[in-house]
Amino acid sequence: MRALLLMTASVVCLFGCTTPQEKAMQQQAEMDRMMAEYGPACVQLGFAANTDPWRNCVVQMATKNGSYRGGVSTSIFGGFGSGGRSGLGIGIGIGR
């Protein structure tokens, strides 16, 4: 019985892990979404598309509107101590 519980716990832990490639793909998908959403507005503001200033504009607009997460914290302490916000609790906290 103990071996079955240990094996089940191990399998659950392995399914929760992401590889660096998966994380990079998630970040790229998030950036693609932000460019599609905020890119046209940055072009209207005078930034040439697909330039560094345009990308900075996209990230700033997404951050300002609260749709840019910046990263995921898997700490059991959540976002405690980051920017004065308290995110204590078990689970996944979204860091900004």
C-alpha atoms as a PDB file:
ATOM      1  CA  MET A   1       0.000   0.000   0.000  1.00  0.00           C
ATOM      2  CA  ARG A   2       2.827   2.401   0.877  1.00  0.00           C
ATOM      3  CA  ALA A   3       4.561   1.678  -2.446  1.00  0.00           C
ATOM      4  CA  LEU A   4       1.360   2.448  -4.353  1.00  0.00           C
ATOM      5  CA  LEU A   5       0.969   5.790  -2.559  1.00  0.00           C
ATOM      6  CA  LEU A   6       4.599   6.678  -3.183  1.00  0.00           C
ATOM      7  CA  MET A   7       4.322   5.775  -6.865  1.00  0.00           C
ATOM      8  CA  THR A   8       1.096   7.782  -7.246  1.00  0.00           C
ATOM      9  CA  ALA A   9       2.655  10.813  -5.546  1.00  0.00           C
ATOM     10  CA  SER A  10       5.703  10.563  -7.820  1.00  0.00           C
ATOM     11  CA  VAL A  11       3.562  10.434 -10.951  1.00  0.00           C
ATOM     12  CA  VAL A  12       1.533  13.460  -9.818  1.00  0.00           C
ATOM     13  CA  CYS A  13       4.729  15.414  -9.156  1.00  0.00           C
ATOM     14  CA  LEU A  14       6.129  14.557 -12.581  1.00  0.00           C
ATOM     15  CA  PHE A  15       2.980  15.754 -14.338  1.00  0.00           C
ATOM     16  CA  GLY A  16       3.269  19.084 -12.532  1.00  0.00           C
ATOM     17  CA  CYS A  17       6.783  19.766 -13.825  1.00  0.00           C
ATOM     18  CA  THR A  18       7.401  21.760 -16.964  1.00  0.00           C
ATOM     19  CA  THR A  19      10.521  21.610 -19.027  1.00  0.00           C
ATOM     20  CA  PRO A  20      12.419  24.765 -19.996  1.00  0.00           C
ATOM     21  CA  GLN A  21      11.199  24.253 -23.577  1.00  0.00           C
ATOM     22  CA  GLU A  22       7.562  24.162 -22.437  1.00  0.00           C
ATOM     23  CA  LYS A  23       8.063  27.288 -20.346  1.00  0.00           C
ATOM     24  CA  ALA A  24       9.669  29.069 -23.298  1.00  0.00           C
ATOM     25  CA  MET A  25       6.742  28.058 -25.526  1.00  0.00           C
ATOM     26  CA  GLN A  26       4.267  29.410 -22.943  1.00  0.00           C
ATOM     27  CA  GLN A  27       6.155  32.699 -22.709  1.00  0.00           C
ATOM     28  CA  GLN A  28       6.300  32.984 -26.506  1.00  0.00           C
ATOM     29  CA  ALA A  29       2.550  32.356 -26.746  1.00  0.00           C
ATOM     30  CA  GLU A  30       1.934  35.050 -24.112  1.00  0.00           C
ATOM     31  CA  MET A  31       4.130  37.533 -26.021  1.00  0.00           C
ATOM     32  CA  ASP A  32       2.389  36.686 -29.314  1.00  0.00           C
ATOM     33  CA  ARG A  33      -0.977  37.355 -27.657  1.00  0.00           C
ATOM     34  CA  MET A  34       0.229  40.699 -26.287  1.00  0.00           C
ATOM     35  CA  MET A  35       1.673  41.752 -29.678  1.00  0.00           C
ATOM     36  CA  ALA A  36      -1.633  40.938 -31.395  1.00  0.00           C
ATOM     37  CA  GLU A  37      -3.617  42.827 -28.770  1.00  0.00           C
ATOM     38  CA  TYR A  38      -1.439  45.909 -28.173  1.00  0.00           C
ATOM     39  CA  GLY A  39       0.726  46.034 -31.311  1.00  0.00           C
ATOM     40  CA  PRO A  40      -1.732  48.010 -33.458  1.00  0.00           C
ATOM     41  CA  ALA A  41      -2.146  50.644 -30.734  1.00  0.00           C
ATOM     42  CA  CYS A  42       1.630  51.055 -30.470  1.00  0.00           C
ATOM     43  CA  VAL A  43       1.842  51.496 -34.254  1.00  0.00           C
ATOM     44  CA  GLN A  44      -0.839  54.205 -34.022  1.00  0.00           C
ATOM     45  CA  LEU A  45       1.267  55.877 -31.329  1.00  0.00           C
ATOM     46  CA  GLY A  46       4.094  56.164 -33.864  1.00  0.00           C
ATOM     47  CA  PHE A  47       6.272  53.136 -33.118  1.00  0.00           C
ATOM     48  CA  ALA A  48       7.495  51.154 -36.110  1.00  0.00           C
ATOM     49  CA  ALA A  49       6.264  47.558 -35.876  1.00  0.00           C
ATOM     50  CA  ASN A  50       8.693  44.851 -34.746  1.00  0.00           C
ATOM     51  CA  THR A  51      11.289  47.239 -33.355  1.00  0.00           C
ATOM     52  CA  ASP A  52      12.600  47.347 -29.799  1.00  0.00           C
ATOM     53  CA  PRO A  53      10.707  50.568 -28.915  1.00  0.00           C
ATOM     54  CA  TRP A  54       7.497  48.966 -30.306  1.00  0.00           C
ATOM     55  CA  ARG A  55       8.066  45.847 -28.178  1.00  0.00           C
ATOM     56  CA  ASN A  56       8.667  48.034 -25.116  1.00  0.00           C
ATOM     57  CA  CYS A  57       5.404  49.827 -25.853  1.00  0.00           C
ATOM     58  CA  VAL A  58       3.567  46.487 -26.107  1.00  0.00           C
ATOM     59  CA  VAL A  59       4.952  45.269 -22.769  1.00  0.00           C
ATOM     60  CA  GLN A  60       4.250  48.611 -21.059  1.00  0.00           C
ATOM     61  CA  MET A  61       0.654  48.667 -22.297  1.00  0.00           C
ATOM     62  CA  ALA A  62       0.088  45.052 -21.233  1.00  0.00           C
ATOM     63  CA  THR A  63       1.588  45.786 -17.820  1.00  0.00           C
ATOM     64  CA  LYS A  64      -0.500  48.925 -17.431  1.00  0.00           C
ATOM     65  CA  ASN A  65      -3.679  47.014 -18.277  1.00  0.00           C
ATOM     66  CA  GLY A  66      -2.782  44.170 -15.943  1.00  0.00           C
ATOM     67  CA  SER A  67      -2.682  41.438 -18.563  1.00  0.00           C
ATOM     68  CA  TYR A  68       1.073  40.833 -18.382  1.00  0.00           C
ATOM     69  CA  ARG A  69       1.893  38.371 -15.616  1.00  0.00           C
ATOM     70  CA  GLY A  70       5.647  38.498 -15.865  1.00  0.00           C
ATOM     71  CA  GLY A  71       6.161  35.024 -14.446  1.00  0.00           C
ATOM     72  CA  VAL A  72       4.750  32.364 -12.208  1.00  0.00           C
ATOM     73  CA  SER A  73       5.860  31.738  -8.654  1.00  0.00           C
ATOM     74  CA  THR A  74       5.493  28.185  -7.392  1.00  0.00           C
ATOM     75  CA  SER A  75       6.640  29.116  -3.912  1.00  0.00           C
ATOM     76  CA  ILE A  76       4.374  28.152  -1.030  1.00  0.00           C
ATOM     77  CA  PHE A  77       4.740  31.774   0.091  1.00  0.00           C
ATOM     78  CA  GLY A  78       3.171  33.155  -3.114  1.00  0.00           C
ATOM     79  CA  GLY A  79       4.146  36.761  -3.765  1.00  0.00           C
ATOM     80  CA  PHE A  80       5.015  37.719  -0.184  1.00  0.00           C
ATOM     81  CA  GLY A  81       7.483  40.565  -0.042  1.00  0.00           C
ATOM     82  CA  SER A  82       7.178  41.584  -3.680  1.00  0.00           C
ATOM     83  CA  GLY A  83       6.036  45.151  -3.988  1.00  0.00           C
ATOM     84  CA  GLY A  84       4.295  45.160  -0.639  1.00  0.00           C
ATOM     85  CA  ARG A  85       1.686  42.626  -1.726  1.00  0.00           C
ATOM     86  CA  SER A  86       0.941  39.653   0.444  1.00  0.00           C
ATOM     87  CA  GLY A  87       0.181  36.384  -1.289  1.00  0.00           C
ATOM     88  CA  LEU A  88       0.619  33.861   1.485  1.00  0.00           C
ATOM     89  CA  GLY A  89      -0.938  30.496   0.867  1.00  0.00           C
ATOM     90  CA  ILE A  90      -0.350  27.139  -0.654  1.00  0.00           C
ATOM     91  CA  GLY A  91      -0.587  26.988  -4.423  1.00  0.00           C
ATOM     92  CA  ILE A  92       0.651  28.869  -7.412  1.00  0.00           C
ATOM     93  CA  GLY A  93       0.984  32.631  -7.125  1.00  0.00           C
ATOM     94  CA  ILE A  94       1.214  34.909 -10.102  1.00  0.00           C
ATOM     95  CA  GLY A  95       4.157  37.289  -9.827  1.00  0.00           C
ATOM     96  CA  ARG A  96       4.262  40.694 -11.436  1.00  0.00           C
END
